[in-house]
Amino acid sequence: MDVLSRPVGPVAEAARRLRGVQRALGRLSALDSVARLISATPREACRAVGFERAMLSHIRGDRLSFASVSDEANPILAADFARLARAVRPRLDRCAPEHEAVVRQMPVLIRDAQRQAGVFRPLAHVARTDAYVVAPIVRDGRTIGLLHADHYGSDRVVDELDREILWTFATGVGWAMDDIAARAVRNARGGADPLAEDALSDLLGAAHGGVNEGAAGPLSLLTAREREVLELLAEGSSNAAVGEALVISQATVKSHVRHILRKLGAANRTEAVSLYLALAGAQAGRRLSIA
């Protein structure tokens, strides 16, 4: 091998993956809802950005709340992990790498994940990961979510390039969310509007108001009972579990779900939950105190 050609390998690999990031962000920005972006982001992280597995989670108060995952090589393992992640919702102060990513708004590379201090052991054990990267999704100066990725099932080792690539992608995901939400506001208003920024803040439940009964945006269309149903669905509850918690029949639960989908313009329960988590998660970063 020519000595001068040796450094080209890593540089070419980085350039190739950055082109993948650019293409992935173009596709995400073209989507018609934040909910669809949330669902598609882990898949793009794998297919276009070069990871074997990826997961997106929201910051809800002081907890991590699972949103979506992609692991096409191991769908059963992905489903098991998703069920546990929805049920556990770990506190950030029990997840040292994730807490660091949220507070510092910087990516973190975790090696030897099964033994490293501060890693949330239940999820690491179920994921069977040896090493992973976590990068923050930031909007308006607040960390609203986290993107995890690894190379599980391959002979590749997670490294510093993975950390920087995932950070670049996660940063772009935050911008894509802004593009989609701003476009939705313009479409709703019938064109550009000087008040679009205020409307966008209302839509996302951001800044001061948060997501509540009086907030503007899609969630304000729901009744109090429909919001209770949606929150339980977001926690991973089945129809039967929702009915038991609210002391209503499963038929009534299904009726509420149909109304929720119609009011939110969601195609299915997953999209409705993703939209709810996006709106609720937008306000959560401001609750974290930065020492």
Protein backbone atom coordinates (compact mmCIF):
# COMPACT_ATOMS: atom_id res chain seq x y z
CA MET A 1 0.00 0.00 0.00
CA ASP A 2 1.21 3.49 -0.87
CA VAL A 3 2.15 5.30 2.35
CA LEU A 4 0.36 8.42 1.17
CA SER A 5 -2.88 6.50 0.78
CA ARG A 6 -3.03 5.18 4.33
CA PRO A 7 -4.74 8.19 5.97
CA VAL A 8 -7.39 8.26 3.23
CA GLY A 9 -9.31 5.31 4.69
CA PRO A 10 -10.61 6.97 7.88
CA VAL A 11 -11.11 10.30 6.11
CA ALA A 12 -13.09 8.66 3.32
CA GLU A 13 -15.17 6.76 5.89
CA ALA A 14 -15.97 9.96 7.78
CA ALA A 15 -16.91 11.73 4.54
CA ARG A 16 -19.12 8.82 3.48
CA ARG A 17 -20.98 8.82 6.76
CA LEU A 18 -21.39 12.59 6.76
CA ARG A 19 -23.00 12.31 3.32
CA GLY A 20 -25.32 9.71 4.86
CA VAL A 21 -26.19 12.17 7.65
CA GLN A 22 -26.98 14.85 5.06
CA ARG A 23 -29.25 12.54 3.06
CA ALA A 24 -30.99 11.26 6.20
CA LEU A 25 -31.69 14.77 7.48
CA GLY A 26 -33.07 15.75 4.09
CA ARG A 27 -35.56 12.89 4.26
CA LEU A 28 -36.50 13.65 7.87
CA SER A 29 -37.04 17.35 7.17
CA ALA A 30 -39.37 16.46 4.31
CA LEU A 31 -41.73 14.50 6.58
CA ASP A 32 -45.13 16.00 7.35
CA SER A 33 -45.14 15.63 11.14
CA VAL A 34 -42.81 15.57 14.11
CA ALA A 35 -44.40 12.26 15.09
CA ARG A 36 -43.24 10.66 11.85
CA LEU A 37 -39.79 12.16 12.32
CA ILE A 38 -39.54 10.61 15.78
CA SER A 39 -40.55 7.24 14.41
CA ALA A 40 -38.13 7.45 11.45
CA THR A 41 -35.04 8.88 13.18
CA PRO A 42 -33.63 5.62 14.63
CA ARG A 43 -34.17 3.86 11.29
CA GLU A 44 -32.24 6.61 9.47
CA ALA A 45 -29.47 6.40 12.08
CA CYS A 46 -29.02 2.77 11.07
CA ARG A 47 -29.66 2.75 7.33
CA ALA A 48 -27.99 6.03 6.40
CA VAL A 49 -25.66 7.00 9.24
CA GLY A 50 -23.98 3.65 9.79
CA PHE A 51 -25.15 2.19 13.11
CA GLU A 52 -26.60 -1.26 13.73
CA ARG A 53 -29.07 -0.11 16.41
CA ALA A 54 -30.49 3.23 17.48
CA MET A 55 -33.03 4.51 19.99
CA LEU A 56 -34.65 7.89 20.51
CA SER A 57 -35.95 8.94 23.92
CA HIS A 58 -37.52 12.10 25.35
CA ILE A 59 -36.64 13.95 28.51
CA ARG A 60 -39.81 14.13 30.59
CA GLY A 61 -39.15 15.97 33.81
CA ASP A 62 -36.30 14.11 35.50
CA ARG A 63 -36.87 10.86 33.56
CA LEU A 64 -36.03 9.27 30.23
CA SER A 65 -39.12 8.31 28.26
CA PHE A 66 -38.72 5.83 25.39
CA ALA A 67 -39.99 6.96 21.96
CA SER A 68 -38.72 4.75 19.13
CA VAL A 69 -36.08 2.14 18.27
CA SER A 70 -34.56 0.50 15.19
CA ASP A 71 -32.89 -2.91 15.20
CA GLU A 72 -33.78 -4.64 11.94
CA ALA A 73 -31.39 -7.53 12.56
CA ASN A 74 -32.96 -8.37 15.94
CA PRO A 75 -36.63 -7.30 15.96
CA ILE A 76 -37.49 -9.57 18.91
CA LEU A 77 -34.69 -8.10 21.03
CA ALA A 78 -35.77 -4.61 19.97
CA ALA A 79 -39.36 -5.32 21.02
CA ASP A 80 -38.24 -6.69 24.40
CA PHE A 81 -36.06 -3.64 24.96
CA ALA A 82 -38.85 -1.25 23.94
CA ARG A 83 -41.30 -2.85 26.39
CA LEU A 84 -38.84 -2.57 29.26
CA ALA A 85 -37.83 0.98 28.36
CA ARG A 86 -41.46 2.10 28.28
CA ALA A 87 -42.17 0.47 31.63
CA VAL A 88 -39.04 1.56 33.49
CA ARG A 89 -38.65 5.24 32.50
CA PRO A 90 -35.39 5.60 34.46
CA ARG A 91 -34.49 8.73 36.37
CA LEU A 92 -31.69 10.75 34.82
CA ASP A 93 -29.77 10.81 38.09
CA ARG A 94 -29.51 7.01 37.81
CA CYS A 95 -28.09 7.24 34.28
CA ALA A 96 -24.79 9.08 34.59
CA PRO A 97 -23.81 9.14 30.87
CA GLU A 98 -27.26 10.30 29.81
CA HIS A 99 -27.39 12.93 32.56
CA GLU A 100 -24.03 14.24 31.39
CA ALA A 101 -25.24 14.42 27.78
CA VAL A 102 -28.36 16.33 28.85
CA VAL A 103 -26.63 18.84 31.12
CA ARG A 104 -23.50 19.45 29.04
CA GLN A 105 -25.31 19.11 25.70
CA MET A 106 -22.40 17.04 24.45
CA PRO A 107 -22.21 13.44 23.19
CA VAL A 108 -20.86 10.71 25.46
CA LEU A 109 -19.07 7.51 24.42
CA ILE A 110 -19.63 4.65 26.86
CA ARG A 111 -17.19 1.74 26.74
CA ASP A 112 -17.59 -1.51 28.68
CA ALA A 113 -21.24 -0.68 29.30
CA GLN A 114 -21.95 -3.85 31.29
CA ARG A 115 -19.51 -2.85 34.02
CA GLN A 116 -19.05 0.91 33.81
CA ALA A 117 -20.23 2.77 36.89
CA GLY A 118 -23.28 4.96 36.45
CA VAL A 119 -24.79 3.06 33.52
CA PHE A 120 -28.43 2.11 34.10
CA ARG A 121 -27.94 -1.62 34.48
CA PRO A 122 -31.40 -3.03 33.62
CA LEU A 123 -31.54 -1.46 30.17
CA ALA A 124 -27.87 -2.15 29.42
CA HIS A 125 -28.40 -5.79 30.39
CA VAL A 126 -31.47 -6.25 28.18
CA ALA A 127 -29.79 -4.43 25.28
CA ARG A 128 -26.69 -6.65 25.72
CA THR A 129 -24.58 -3.75 24.57
CA ASP A 130 -20.84 -3.59 25.21
CA ALA A 131 -20.44 0.03 24.14
CA TYR A 132 -22.68 2.79 22.86
CA VAL A 133 -22.89 6.49 22.10
CA VAL A 134 -25.53 8.89 23.41
CA ALA A 135 -26.04 12.34 21.87
CA PRO A 136 -28.42 15.15 22.91
CA ILE A 137 -31.21 16.54 20.76
CA VAL A 138 -31.31 20.26 21.55
CA ARG A 139 -33.95 22.86 20.71
CA ASP A 140 -33.98 26.48 21.80
CA GLY A 141 -31.03 25.82 24.09
CA ARG A 142 -32.78 22.95 25.91
CA THR A 143 -32.05 19.23 25.69
CA ILE A 144 -35.40 17.66 24.82
CA GLY A 145 -34.27 14.16 23.91
CA LEU A 146 -31.43 11.70 23.49
CA LEU A 147 -30.30 9.52 20.63
CA HIS A 148 -28.52 6.25 21.50
CA ALA A 149 -26.67 4.08 18.97
CA ASP A 150 -24.29 1.13 18.89
CA HIS A 151 -22.85 -1.60 16.65
CA TYR A 152 -24.44 -4.60 18.39
CA GLY A 153 -24.16 -7.79 16.37
CA SER A 154 -21.22 -6.65 14.25
CA ASP A 155 -17.46 -6.76 14.72
CA ARG A 156 -17.19 -2.97 14.66
CA VAL A 157 -16.05 -1.12 17.77
CA VAL A 158 -17.84 2.07 18.84
CA ASP A 159 -15.29 4.87 18.59
CA GLU A 160 -14.80 8.63 18.58
CA LEU A 161 -15.95 8.94 14.98
CA ASP A 162 -19.25 7.32 15.97
CA ARG A 163 -19.60 9.85 18.78
CA GLU A 164 -19.06 12.83 16.48
CA ILE A 165 -21.23 11.45 13.67
CA LEU A 166 -24.13 10.74 16.02
CA TRP A 167 -23.81 14.22 17.55
CA THR A 168 -23.94 15.80 14.10
CA PHE A 169 -27.01 13.73 13.24
CA ALA A 170 -28.76 14.48 16.56
CA THR A 171 -28.12 18.20 16.09
CA GLY A 172 -29.70 18.01 12.65
CA VAL A 173 -32.70 16.13 14.04
CA GLY A 174 -33.40 19.09 16.32
CA TRP A 175 -33.26 21.44 13.34
CA ALA A 176 -35.52 19.12 11.32
CA MET A 177 -38.08 19.21 14.14
CA ASP A 178 -38.04 23.00 13.93
CA ASP A 179 -38.50 22.90 10.14
CA ILE A 180 -41.46 20.53 10.33
CA ALA A 181 -43.18 22.36 13.18
CA ALA A 182 -42.68 25.77 11.56
CA ARG A 183 -44.02 24.44 8.27
CA ALA A 184 -47.08 23.06 10.06
CA VAL A 185 -47.73 26.47 11.60
CA ARG A 186 -47.41 28.23 8.23
CA ASN A 187 -49.74 25.72 6.59
CA ALA A 188 -52.28 26.10 9.38
CA ARG A 189 -52.20 29.87 8.99
CA GLY A 190 -52.34 29.74 5.20
CA GLY A 191 -48.90 31.20 4.63
CA ALA A 192 -46.04 33.03 6.26
CA ASP A 193 -46.95 34.96 9.36
CA PRO A 194 -44.86 37.29 11.53
CA LEU A 195 -46.36 35.58 14.59
CA ALA A 196 -45.27 32.12 13.46
CA GLU A 197 -42.58 31.90 16.13
CA ASP A 198 -45.10 32.51 18.90
CA ALA A 199 -47.48 29.99 17.36
CA LEU A 200 -44.66 27.45 17.15
CA SER A 201 -43.89 27.89 20.82
CA ASP A 202 -47.55 27.27 21.63
CA LEU A 203 -47.69 24.23 19.37
CA LEU A 204 -44.73 22.63 21.06
CA GLY A 205 -45.79 23.46 24.59
CA ALA A 206 -42.43 25.10 25.04
CA ALA A 207 -41.08 28.01 27.04
CA HIS A 208 -43.40 29.13 29.80
CA GLY A 209 -46.74 27.45 29.37
CA GLY A 210 -45.77 23.83 28.97
CA VAL A 211 -48.28 21.21 27.87
CA ASN A 212 -51.45 21.54 29.87
CA GLU A 213 -55.17 21.78 29.52
CA GLY A 214 -55.05 25.38 28.41
CA ALA A 215 -52.14 25.06 26.01
CA ALA A 216 -52.60 25.84 22.33
CA GLY A 217 -51.82 23.15 19.79
CA PRO A 218 -53.08 19.62 19.09
CA LEU A 219 -53.28 18.47 22.70
CA SER A 220 -55.70 21.26 23.54
CA LEU A 221 -58.24 19.48 21.33
CA LEU A 222 -58.39 16.51 23.70
CA THR A 223 -60.78 16.15 26.60
CA ALA A 224 -59.39 15.55 30.08
CA ARG A 225 -60.25 11.84 29.84
CA GLU A 226 -58.65 11.53 26.40
CA ARG A 227 -55.47 13.08 27.77
CA GLU A 228 -55.48 10.53 30.60
CA VAL A 229 -55.85 7.72 28.08
CA LEU A 230 -53.06 9.11 25.89
CA GLU A 231 -50.69 9.51 28.84
CA LEU A 232 -51.26 5.88 29.83
CA LEU A 233 -50.69 4.76 26.25
CA ALA A 234 -47.43 6.73 26.24
CA GLU A 235 -46.35 4.75 29.30
CA GLY A 236 -46.84 1.53 27.34
CA SER A 237 -50.20 0.50 28.81
CA SER A 238 -52.44 -1.86 26.87
CA ASN A 239 -56.16 -1.17 26.36
CA ALA A 240 -56.92 -3.54 29.20
CA ALA A 241 -54.46 -1.77 31.52
CA VAL A 242 -55.87 1.64 30.58
CA GLY A 243 -59.39 0.41 31.27
CA GLU A 244 -58.36 -0.99 34.65
CA ALA A 245 -56.54 2.21 35.64
CA LEU A 246 -59.43 4.47 34.67
CA VAL A 247 -62.20 2.03 35.64
CA ILE A 248 -63.75 1.98 32.18
CA SER A 249 -64.46 -0.82 29.69
CA GLN A 250 -62.07 -1.75 26.88
CA ALA A 251 -64.76 -0.72 24.39
CA THR A 252 -64.73 2.76 25.93
CA VAL A 253 -60.94 2.82 25.77
CA LYS A 254 -61.07 1.96 22.05
CA SER A 255 -63.59 4.75 21.52
CA HIS A 256 -61.30 7.24 23.26
CA VAL A 257 -58.35 6.06 21.15
CA ARG A 258 -60.32 6.60 17.93
CA HIS A 259 -61.18 10.15 19.04
CA ILE A 260 -57.54 10.82 19.98
CA LEU A 261 -56.28 9.66 16.58
CA ARG A 262 -58.83 11.79 14.75
CA LYS A 263 -58.13 14.94 16.77
CA LEU A 264 -54.34 14.60 16.52
CA GLY A 265 -54.39 13.59 12.86
CA ALA A 266 -52.42 10.46 13.73
CA ALA A 267 -52.57 7.32 11.61
CA ASN A 268 -52.17 4.95 14.56
CA ARG A 269 -51.45 4.72 18.27
CA THR A 270 -47.68 4.89 17.74
CA GLU A 271 -47.94 8.22 15.93
CA ALA A 272 -50.31 9.60 18.57
CA VAL A 273 -47.92 8.62 21.36
CA SER A 274 -44.93 10.02 19.46
CA LEU A 275 -46.71 13.36 18.98
CA TYR A 276 -47.68 13.46 22.64
CA LEU A 277 -44.10 12.76 23.71
CA ALA A 278 -42.75 15.40 21.34
CA LEU A 279 -45.08 18.05 22.71
CA ALA A 280 -44.58 17.05 26.34
CA GLY A 281 -40.84 16.63 25.96
CA ALA A 282 -40.27 20.09 24.53
CA GLN A 283 -40.79 21.72 27.92
CA ALA A 284 -38.86 19.23 30.00
CA GLY A 285 -35.33 20.47 29.52
CA ARG A 286 -36.02 23.67 31.40
CA ARG A 287 -36.86 21.65 34.54
CA LEU A 288 -33.34 20.32 34.86
CA SER A 289 -31.15 22.41 37.11
CA ILE A 290 -27.64 22.85 35.77
CA ALA A 291 -25.11 22.94 38.53
